[in-house]
Protein backbone atom coordinates (compact mmCIF):
# COMPACT_ATOMS: atom_id res chain seq x y z
CA MET A 1 110.38 77.22 105.49
CA PRO A 2 107.18 75.57 104.21
CA VAL A 3 105.66 75.79 100.75
CA LEU A 4 102.22 77.39 100.97
CA ILE A 5 99.74 76.77 98.17
CA SER A 6 96.40 78.51 97.80
CA CYS A 7 93.50 76.06 97.86
CA THR A 8 91.93 77.74 94.84
CA LEU A 9 94.86 76.53 92.73
CA THR A 10 93.60 72.97 93.17
CA GLU A 11 90.36 73.74 91.33
CA PRO A 12 89.79 73.62 87.57
CA PRO A 13 91.21 74.99 85.34
CA SER A 14 94.25 73.90 87.38
CA SER A 15 95.43 70.34 86.88
CA THR A 16 95.33 68.17 90.01
CA THR A 17 98.08 66.04 88.46
CA CYS A 18 100.39 69.04 88.16
CA PHE A 19 99.39 70.17 91.64
CA ARG A 20 100.40 66.75 92.97
CA ASP A 21 103.71 66.93 91.07
CA ILE A 22 104.50 70.24 92.76
CA THR A 23 103.66 68.88 96.21
CA LEU A 24 105.73 65.75 95.57
CA PHE A 25 108.72 67.82 94.40
CA SER A 26 108.45 70.22 97.34
CA SER A 27 108.11 67.45 99.91
CA CYS A 28 110.48 64.76 98.61
CA ILE A 29 113.15 66.70 96.71
CA LEU A 30 113.22 70.03 98.54
CA LYS A 31 112.32 68.46 101.92
CA ARG A 32 109.74 71.19 102.64
CA ASN A 33 106.44 70.86 104.43
CA VAL A 34 103.58 71.61 102.04
CA LEU A 35 100.66 73.51 103.54
CA LEU A 36 97.39 74.28 101.79
CA GLU A 37 96.02 77.75 102.59
CA CYS A 38 92.26 77.86 102.87
CA GLU A 39 89.44 79.68 104.61
CA GLU A 40 88.43 77.62 107.63
CA GLU A 41 84.85 77.02 106.48
CA PHE A 42 86.10 75.33 103.27
CA GLN A 43 88.87 73.14 104.73
CA ASP A 44 86.78 69.95 104.86
CA MET A 45 85.59 70.45 101.31
CA TYR A 46 89.16 70.84 99.96
CA TRP A 47 90.40 67.88 102.00
CA LYS A 48 87.67 65.65 100.50
CA TRP A 49 88.31 67.04 96.99
CA LEU A 50 92.05 66.36 97.16
CA LYS A 51 91.61 62.90 98.70
CA ARG A 52 89.16 61.97 95.94
CA LYS A 53 91.63 63.22 93.29
CA HIS A 54 94.55 61.35 94.93
CA SER A 55 96.38 64.64 95.46
CA TRP A 56 96.64 64.74 99.26
CA ASP A 57 99.71 62.48 99.66
CA PHE A 58 102.34 65.18 100.13
CA ILE A 59 100.30 67.86 101.93
CA LYS A 60 101.07 68.15 105.62
CA ASP A 61 98.08 70.26 106.66
CA ILE A 62 95.44 72.81 105.73
CA VAL A 63 95.99 76.16 107.42
CA PRO A 64 94.05 79.45 107.55
CA ILE A 65 95.12 82.02 104.97
CA GLY A 66 97.97 84.19 106.24
CA SER A 67 98.66 82.10 109.35
CA GLU A 68 102.03 80.78 108.10
CA HIS A 69 105.03 82.29 106.32
CA GLY A 70 107.05 80.56 103.63
CA ILE A 71 107.37 80.16 99.87
CA SER A 72 103.87 80.95 98.66
CA ILE A 73 102.16 79.91 95.44
CA ARG A 74 99.02 81.96 94.91
CA GLU A 75 97.07 83.83 92.26
CA SER A 76 98.27 87.18 93.66
CA MET A 77 100.59 88.63 96.31
CA ALA A 78 102.87 85.58 96.45
CA THR A 79 106.45 84.46 96.09
CA ILE A 80 105.32 82.59 92.95
CA THR A 81 102.27 84.14 91.29
CA VAL A 82 100.32 82.03 88.79
CA PRO A 83 96.71 82.10 87.58
CA ARG A 84 96.52 78.28 87.70
CA ILE A 85 98.73 75.21 87.98
CA ASP A 86 98.92 73.27 84.73
CA TYR A 87 101.30 71.72 82.21
CA ASN A 88 102.04 75.14 80.68
CA ASN A 89 103.59 76.52 83.87
CA LEU A 90 104.69 73.40 85.77
CA SER A 91 108.37 73.75 84.85
CA PHE A 92 108.26 77.48 85.68
CA ILE A 93 106.89 76.74 89.18
CA ILE A 94 109.41 73.92 89.77
CA SER A 95 112.34 76.13 88.71
CA LYS A 96 111.14 78.97 90.96
CA LEU A 97 110.79 76.58 93.90
CA GLN A 98 114.36 75.36 93.29
CA SER A 99 115.72 78.90 93.16
CA TYR A 100 113.97 79.99 96.37
CA SER A 101 115.10 76.84 98.17
CA SER A 102 118.80 77.24 97.36
């Protein structure tokens, strides 16, 4: 089951460093594919943004919203619901990912 992350959670006020930590943990520790959910017309923009921020390393692909099922991290209607990804909720997200992966 992949980890699906909304592309909007890569934008400020989210931290790209924390975003990368979550993708690293999901990919290397939990052995899950990490997919970024994004509207098709914005996929190139998010790919360039994440490459420039050195946050693409552990993302397998960008997929259309709702095209895949898995452990989702979004701002609403998700397995893990957060308004942003930052240092204040990083440990919460990691612990939730661990619990859903067990």
